[in-house]
Amino acid sequence: MGRKRLQEPADGRPTVHTVAARAGVSIASASRVLNGVGGSPETIRKVRAAAAEVGYVPNAIARSLQSQRTGLVALAVEDIGNPVYVEMMRAIEAVVASSGRQLVVHATGGRIDNEMTLLRRLANRYVDGMIISPIRVTDDHLGALVGSPVPVVVVGQLGADAPVDNVRTDSRHGVALAVDHLLAIGRRRIGFVNGPLDTVPGAARDAGFRAALARHGIELDEDLVEVGDFQYAAGRAAAVRLLARAAPDALVCANDLIAVGALHALLATGRRVPQDVALIGMDDTELAQMMFPQLSSVSLGSAERGRRAAELLLQRIADPALPPRREQVQPSLAVRASSAATPPSPRPSADPFEPTPAHPYREGVTS
């Protein structure tokens, strides 16, 4: 017997009724799957197969009016060009797309006023939810997050009592991993190039560096600490300032962009990496493996944090009554050539820019 003829609307477009009939499920079940709310694995398989078979395309406007949902999820980060946010964005987009939604990305420049504007716009329900990774957190932030009319997940540190879904990492421990490794390979004059101290990551990484040295009984030389910004040019300039007044045998940098800037500053002043100065970044982005020598770097699980944040957000959208959740991703250290266990060597007496075997990085070095 042939399959029963399906009723189509006057314009011939298949509807949720068409999909439900083809899948052999109720209209309510088909609607839940097509709206990304969920269902049993078998129901999801049947509905998606039926939708593909009949060529079902959701009417986004009608669905938004009926469900008060837009099918959009927002991501707000400081700098969409920073490799750490690119990795996070990729992981978030994959999860969001699997629910049938689209990701809208905003670059805030780390400016509190920009972030507050985005949070206030949530009152217009232009998205179904937002993931935000602020580098500064104020009382105004917390008030807007708690009072948001749509679900929000924060990637980064929040107070322990903040009733907001939150995915974080322990960058203090990440810095400690870097310091422990450098001391284990015999380095003793360890410098630190950080981002702004009025930011959440800058303050945490500064505290982690100081605590790690104290734990090993090493007195901190303030000449070995420099503050810039979380960007390549600022990181290079900060490293130049540090190297002009001190002679470290190792540098820890607060992110990989700073570490690349420090690498270029070291090579431009004739210092070899890692022979003269071992170097470690943070975030373990693709950029770290593109350098020569490849950079050791502390992974803070940017992709994993993004994936978990997206999953928390979708769960919150489906069930707003869930209690606040807090998840933590543990850091790890990827050791590469820039901090290999090569003993420090004396500074050469010859011109450091002379292209000799003692300076294999002469070619392409710029000031």
Protein backbone atom coordinates (compact mmCIF):
# COMPACT_ATOMS: atom_id res chain seq x y z
CA MET A 1 0.00 0.00 0.00
CA GLY A 2 1.31 3.43 -0.89
CA ARG A 3 2.13 6.02 1.74
CA LYS A 4 -0.78 8.27 2.71
CA ARG A 5 -0.77 11.56 0.83
CA LEU A 6 0.32 14.41 3.11
CA GLN A 7 -1.73 17.58 3.37
CA GLU A 8 0.26 20.65 2.40
CA PRO A 9 -0.60 24.33 2.88
CA ALA A 10 -1.89 26.32 -0.07
CA ASP A 11 1.58 27.59 -0.98
CA GLY A 12 2.95 24.04 -1.05
CA ARG A 13 5.49 24.52 1.76
CA PRO A 14 5.79 21.62 4.22
CA THR A 15 4.85 22.47 7.80
CA VAL A 16 5.48 20.94 11.20
CA HIS A 17 2.30 18.94 10.62
CA THR A 18 3.87 17.52 7.45
CA VAL A 19 7.05 16.57 9.29
CA ALA A 20 5.14 14.99 12.20
CA ALA A 21 3.04 12.88 9.86
CA ARG A 22 6.08 11.73 7.87
CA ALA A 23 8.02 10.89 11.06
CA GLY A 24 5.07 9.15 12.70
CA VAL A 25 5.22 11.29 15.84
CA SER A 26 2.91 13.81 17.46
CA ILE A 27 2.91 17.42 16.33
CA ALA A 28 4.11 18.44 19.80
CA SER A 29 7.08 16.06 19.60
CA ALA A 30 8.01 17.26 16.13
CA SER A 31 7.74 20.88 17.26
CA ARG A 32 10.05 20.30 20.22
CA VAL A 33 12.72 18.76 18.03
CA LEU A 34 12.46 21.41 15.32
CA ASN A 35 12.71 24.17 17.92
CA GLY A 36 15.84 22.64 19.47
CA VAL A 37 14.15 21.87 22.79
CA GLY A 38 14.92 18.16 22.58
CA GLY A 39 13.32 14.72 22.66
CA SER A 40 14.38 11.11 22.77
CA PRO A 41 17.28 10.16 20.48
CA GLU A 42 14.93 8.09 18.32
CA THR A 43 12.37 10.89 18.04
CA ILE A 44 15.10 13.40 17.14
CA ARG A 45 16.42 11.03 14.46
CA LYS A 46 12.97 10.45 12.96
CA VAL A 47 11.98 14.12 12.94
CA ARG A 48 15.26 15.35 11.46
CA ALA A 49 15.12 12.65 8.77
CA ALA A 50 11.52 13.53 7.94
CA ALA A 51 12.28 17.25 7.82
CA ALA A 52 15.13 16.63 5.40
CA GLU A 53 12.96 14.31 3.28
CA VAL A 54 10.08 16.76 2.84
CA GLY A 55 12.34 19.82 2.57
CA TYR A 56 11.00 21.51 5.68
CA VAL A 57 12.36 25.02 6.25
CA PRO A 58 11.27 26.70 9.51
CA ASN A 59 9.52 30.03 9.29
CA ALA A 60 11.81 32.01 11.58
CA ILE A 61 9.42 34.96 11.95
CA ALA A 62 6.41 32.83 12.82
CA ARG A 63 8.42 30.67 15.18
CA SER A 64 9.79 33.74 16.94
CA LEU A 65 6.31 35.22 17.40
CA GLN A 66 4.85 31.96 18.71
CA SER A 67 7.71 30.90 20.97
CA GLN A 68 9.17 34.33 21.83
CA ARG A 69 12.52 32.94 20.68
CA THR A 70 14.75 34.27 17.94
CA GLY A 71 16.97 31.29 17.15
CA LEU A 72 20.00 33.49 17.91
CA VAL A 73 22.63 33.23 20.65
CA ALA A 74 25.11 36.05 21.34
CA LEU A 75 28.77 35.83 22.31
CA ALA A 76 30.49 38.92 23.71
CA VAL A 77 34.30 38.94 24.04
CA GLU A 78 36.99 41.58 24.30
CA ASP A 79 38.72 40.99 20.94
CA ILE A 80 37.53 38.64 18.21
CA GLY A 81 41.05 38.70 16.73
CA ASN A 82 42.62 37.18 19.83
CA PRO A 83 43.32 33.48 19.12
CA VAL A 84 41.98 32.42 22.53
CA TYR A 85 38.56 33.86 21.68
CA VAL A 86 38.66 32.35 18.20
CA GLU A 87 39.09 28.88 19.72
CA MET A 88 36.33 29.57 22.24
CA MET A 89 34.02 30.87 19.51
CA ARG A 90 34.51 27.78 17.35
CA ALA A 91 33.54 25.48 20.21
CA ILE A 92 30.49 27.58 21.11
CA GLU A 93 29.33 27.80 17.50
CA ALA A 94 29.46 24.01 17.10
CA VAL A 95 27.19 23.46 20.11
CA VAL A 96 24.84 26.31 19.19
CA ALA A 97 24.52 25.08 15.59
CA SER A 98 23.64 21.58 16.78
CA SER A 99 20.52 23.09 18.39
CA GLY A 100 19.47 24.76 15.15
CA ARG A 101 20.47 28.22 16.34
CA GLN A 102 22.93 30.77 15.00
CA LEU A 103 25.73 32.58 16.83
CA VAL A 104 26.06 36.37 16.82
CA VAL A 105 29.49 37.63 17.95
CA HIS A 106 30.23 41.02 19.52
CA ALA A 107 33.67 42.55 20.19
CA THR A 108 33.52 44.83 23.23
CA GLY A 109 37.12 46.04 23.34
CA GLY A 110 37.04 45.19 27.02
CA ARG A 111 35.01 48.36 27.61
CA ILE A 112 32.50 48.18 30.43
CA ASP A 113 30.11 50.63 28.71
CA ASN A 114 29.97 48.42 25.61
CA GLU A 115 29.25 45.34 27.71
CA MET A 116 26.57 47.14 29.70
CA THR A 117 24.90 48.27 26.46
CA LEU A 118 24.76 44.68 25.25
CA LEU A 119 23.36 43.46 28.56
CA ARG A 120 20.68 46.19 28.52
CA ARG A 121 19.72 45.19 24.97
CA LEU A 122 18.78 41.78 26.31
CA ALA A 123 15.57 43.40 27.57
CA ASN A 124 14.52 43.60 23.90
CA ARG A 125 15.04 39.83 23.61
CA TYR A 126 17.05 40.19 20.41
CA VAL A 127 18.68 36.84 21.24
CA ASP A 128 17.59 33.75 23.17
CA GLY A 129 20.65 33.95 25.42
CA MET A 130 24.17 35.31 25.74
CA ILE A 131 27.63 34.04 26.63
CA ILE A 132 29.89 36.84 27.85
CA SER A 133 33.56 36.79 28.81
CA PRO A 134 34.28 40.12 30.55
CA ILE A 135 37.84 40.94 31.60
CA ARG A 136 36.53 43.42 34.18
CA VAL A 137 33.56 42.69 36.42
CA THR A 138 31.78 45.50 38.26
CA ASP A 139 28.74 45.67 40.54
CA ASP A 140 26.80 47.04 37.56
CA HIS A 141 27.77 43.94 35.59
CA LEU A 142 26.52 41.66 38.33
CA GLY A 143 23.26 43.55 38.65
CA ALA A 144 22.63 43.34 34.90
CA LEU A 145 23.54 39.65 34.81
CA VAL A 146 21.29 38.71 37.71
CA GLY A 147 18.40 40.77 36.37
CA SER A 148 18.72 39.67 32.74
CA PRO A 149 15.39 38.72 31.11
CA VAL A 150 17.14 36.07 29.01
CA PRO A 151 19.70 33.44 30.10
CA VAL A 152 23.33 34.54 30.39
CA VAL A 153 26.44 32.42 31.03
CA VAL A 154 29.70 34.04 32.10
CA VAL A 155 33.07 32.64 31.03
CA GLY A 156 35.51 33.90 33.64
CA GLN A 157 35.77 34.51 37.35
CA LEU A 158 32.73 35.59 39.34
CA GLY A 159 32.16 35.85 43.06
CA ALA A 160 31.31 32.59 44.78
CA ASP A 161 27.80 33.79 45.63
CA ALA A 162 26.90 35.22 42.20
CA PRO A 163 23.67 33.45 41.12
CA VAL A 164 24.74 33.22 37.46
CA ASP A 165 25.81 30.21 35.38
CA ASN A 166 29.60 30.39 35.19
CA VAL A 167 32.48 28.50 33.55
CA ARG A 168 35.92 29.39 34.88
CA THR A 169 39.51 28.27 35.04
CA ASP A 170 42.26 28.70 37.63
CA SER A 171 44.82 30.94 35.97
CA ARG A 172 46.66 31.37 39.28
CA HIS A 173 47.39 27.65 39.20
CA GLY A 174 48.29 27.92 35.52
CA VAL A 175 51.00 30.48 36.29
CA ALA A 176 52.25 28.23 39.08
CA LEU A 177 52.65 25.37 36.59
CA ALA A 178 54.85 27.61 34.45
CA VAL A 179 57.00 28.76 37.40
CA ASP A 180 57.40 25.20 38.71
CA HIS A 181 58.58 24.02 35.30
CA LEU A 182 61.10 26.83 34.91
CA LEU A 183 62.57 26.23 38.35
CA ALA A 184 62.76 22.50 37.60
CA ILE A 185 64.95 23.16 34.54
CA GLY A 186 67.29 25.38 36.56
CA ARG A 187 66.03 28.90 35.88
CA ARG A 188 66.19 31.28 38.85
CA ARG A 189 65.68 34.84 37.56
CA ILE A 190 62.14 34.45 36.30
CA GLY A 191 60.43 37.53 34.91
CA PHE A 192 56.73 38.11 34.32
CA VAL A 193 55.06 40.19 31.58
CA ASN A 194 51.41 40.73 32.44
CA GLY A 195 48.29 42.47 31.19
CA PRO A 196 46.47 45.26 33.06
CA LEU A 197 46.18 44.65 36.80
CA ASP A 198 42.67 46.13 36.91
CA THR A 199 41.39 43.19 34.87
CA VAL A 200 40.26 39.86 36.30
CA PRO A 201 42.90 37.79 34.40
CA GLY A 202 45.67 40.34 35.05
CA ALA A 203 45.05 40.41 38.79
CA ALA A 204 44.75 36.62 39.05
CA ARG A 205 47.94 35.94 37.08
CA ASP A 206 49.93 38.51 39.04
CA ALA A 207 48.79 36.92 42.30
CA GLY A 208 49.61 33.46 40.95
CA PHE A 209 53.13 34.47 39.93
CA ARG A 210 53.93 36.02 43.29
CA ALA A 211 52.47 33.11 45.23
CA ALA A 212 54.41 30.56 43.14
CA LEU A 213 57.75 32.25 43.83
CA ALA A 214 56.94 32.59 47.55
CA ARG A 215 56.05 28.90 47.74
CA HIS A 216 59.57 28.11 46.52
CA GLY A 217 61.16 30.58 48.93
CA ILE A 218 62.22 32.98 46.17
CA GLU A 219 62.11 36.71 46.87
CA LEU A 220 60.48 38.63 44.05
CA ASP A 221 62.60 41.22 42.24
CA GLU A 222 60.13 43.88 41.10
CA ASP A 223 62.48 44.77 38.22
CA LEU A 224 61.51 41.40 36.74
CA VAL A 225 57.81 42.28 36.58
CA GLU A 226 56.30 44.44 33.83
CA VAL A 227 52.70 45.31 32.96
CA GLY A 228 51.36 46.07 29.49
CA ASP A 229 48.23 44.92 27.71
CA PHE A 230 46.99 41.59 26.35
CA GLN A 231 48.13 42.44 22.80
CA TYR A 232 51.23 41.71 20.72
CA ALA A 233 52.55 45.28 20.40
CA ALA A 234 51.97 46.11 24.06
CA GLY A 235 53.53 42.80 25.09
CA ARG A 236 56.62 43.46 23.02
CA ALA A 237 56.96 46.99 24.40
CA ALA A 238 56.57 45.70 27.97
CA ALA A 239 59.24 43.05 27.39
CA VAL A 240 61.60 45.69 25.98
CA ARG A 241 61.16 47.78 29.13
CA LEU A 242 61.83 44.79 31.36
CA LEU A 243 64.92 43.71 29.42
CA ALA A 244 66.34 47.24 29.54
CA ARG A 245 66.62 47.14 33.32
CA ALA A 246 66.95 43.44 34.20
CA ALA A 247 68.56 40.22 32.98
CA PRO A 248 66.05 37.38 33.37
CA ASP A 249 66.90 33.81 32.46
CA ALA A 250 63.19 33.04 31.94
CA LEU A 251 59.97 34.90 31.19
CA VAL A 252 56.37 33.96 31.90
CA CYS A 253 53.84 35.90 29.81
CA ALA A 254 50.17 36.38 30.65
CA ASN A 255 48.98 35.23 27.22
CA ASP A 256 50.36 33.98 23.91
CA LEU A 257 50.13 37.36 22.15
CA ILE A 258 52.34 38.88 24.84
CA ALA A 259 54.68 35.88 24.57
CA VAL A 260 55.11 36.38 20.82
CA GLY A 261 55.91 40.05 21.45
CA ALA A 262 58.42 39.02 24.13
CA LEU A 263 59.98 36.46 21.78
CA HIS A 264 60.62 39.14 19.17
CA ALA A 265 62.00 41.53 21.81
CA LEU A 266 64.38 38.85 23.07
CA LEU A 267 65.65 37.94 19.62
CA ALA A 268 66.02 41.59 18.64
CA THR A 269 68.36 42.14 21.61
CA GLY A 270 70.48 39.11 20.77
CA ARG A 271 69.09 36.78 23.42
CA ARG A 272 68.59 33.19 22.36
CA VAL A 273 65.43 31.26 23.24
CA PRO A 274 65.65 29.04 25.21
CA GLN A 275 69.44 29.04 25.73
CA ASP A 276 69.60 32.53 27.26
CA VAL A 277 65.99 33.06 28.23
CA ALA A 278 63.31 30.39 28.49
CA LEU A 279 59.85 31.60 27.51
CA ILE A 280 56.31 30.48 28.41
CA GLY A 281 52.98 31.95 27.30
CA MET A 282 49.41 31.32 28.41
CA ASP A 283 46.26 30.10 26.61
CA ASP A 284 48.09 27.54 24.42
CA THR A 285 46.54 28.83 21.21
CA GLU A 286 47.50 27.74 17.69
CA LEU A 287 49.76 30.78 17.62
CA ALA A 288 52.12 29.14 20.14
CA GLN A 289 52.84 26.28 17.75
CA MET A 290 53.34 28.59 14.77
CA MET A 291 56.35 30.36 16.29
CA PHE A 292 60.00 29.39 15.94
CA PRO A 293 60.96 28.13 18.36
CA GLN A 294 57.54 26.76 19.27
CA LEU A 295 56.27 28.33 22.48
CA SER A 296 55.59 26.48 25.68
CA SER A 297 52.22 27.64 26.93
CA VAL A 298 49.73 27.07 29.74
CA SER A 299 46.43 25.78 28.38
CA LEU A 300 43.42 27.30 30.12
CA GLY A 301 41.02 25.13 28.12
CA SER A 302 39.49 27.89 26.00
CA ALA A 303 37.66 25.48 23.69
CA GLU A 304 36.45 23.36 26.60
CA ARG A 305 35.25 26.43 28.48
CA GLY A 306 33.36 27.55 25.38
CA ARG A 307 31.77 24.15 24.87
CA ARG A 308 30.63 23.91 28.48
CA ALA A 309 29.30 27.47 28.46
CA ALA A 310 27.22 26.78 25.35
CA GLU A 311 25.81 23.60 26.85
CA LEU A 312 24.89 25.40 30.08
CA LEU A 313 23.20 28.14 28.08
CA LEU A 314 21.08 25.74 26.02
CA GLN A 315 20.05 23.91 29.18
CA ARG A 316 19.10 27.22 30.79
CA ILE A 317 17.07 28.24 27.74
CA ALA A 318 15.18 24.94 27.90
CA ASP A 319 14.64 25.13 31.68
CA PRO A 320 14.95 28.61 33.22
CA ALA A 321 14.18 27.17 36.68
CA LEU A 322 17.49 25.31 36.95
CA PRO A 323 19.67 26.37 39.90
CA PRO A 324 22.85 28.35 39.03
CA ARG A 325 25.69 26.10 37.92
CA ARG A 326 29.44 26.68 38.23
CA GLU A 327 31.97 24.59 36.29
CA GLN A 328 35.77 24.71 36.37
CA VAL A 329 38.26 23.70 33.68
CA GLN A 330 41.70 22.78 34.99
CA PRO A 331 44.84 24.31 33.37
CA SER A 332 47.72 22.27 32.00
CA LEU A 333 51.21 23.08 30.68
CA ALA A 334 52.32 22.24 27.14
CA VAL A 335 56.14 22.18 27.15
CA ARG A 336 57.76 22.98 23.81
CA ALA A 337 61.12 24.21 22.50
CA SER A 338 60.97 27.69 24.04
CA SER A 339 61.46 26.25 27.54
CA ALA A 340 63.44 23.13 26.75
CA ALA A 341 65.85 22.01 29.47
CA THR A 342 68.83 23.82 27.97
CA PRO A 343 71.13 25.45 30.52
CA PRO A 344 71.49 29.25 30.27
CA SER A 345 74.64 30.44 28.54
CA PRO A 346 76.65 33.65 29.07
CA ARG A 347 75.75 36.64 26.93
CA PRO A 348 78.07 36.71 23.91
CA SER A 349 80.72 39.41 23.84
CA ALA A 350 80.49 39.77 20.06
CA ASP A 351 77.91 41.86 18.27
CA PRO A 352 74.61 40.05 19.05
CA PHE A 353 73.32 40.76 15.56
CA GLU A 354 76.28 39.19 13.81
CA PRO A 355 74.91 36.23 11.79
CA THR A 356 77.00 33.50 13.43
CA PRO A 357 75.97 29.96 14.47
CA ALA A 358 75.67 31.28 18.04
CA HIS A 359 72.71 33.38 16.87
CA PRO A 360 70.59 31.18 14.62
CA TYR A 361 67.66 33.62 14.65
CA ARG A 362 69.53 36.55 13.08
CA GLU A 363 67.65 36.32 9.81
CA GLY A 364 64.38 38.21 9.82
CA VAL A 365 64.89 39.85 13.22
CA THR A 366 63.62 43.41 13.39
CA SER A 367 64.00 46.02 16.07
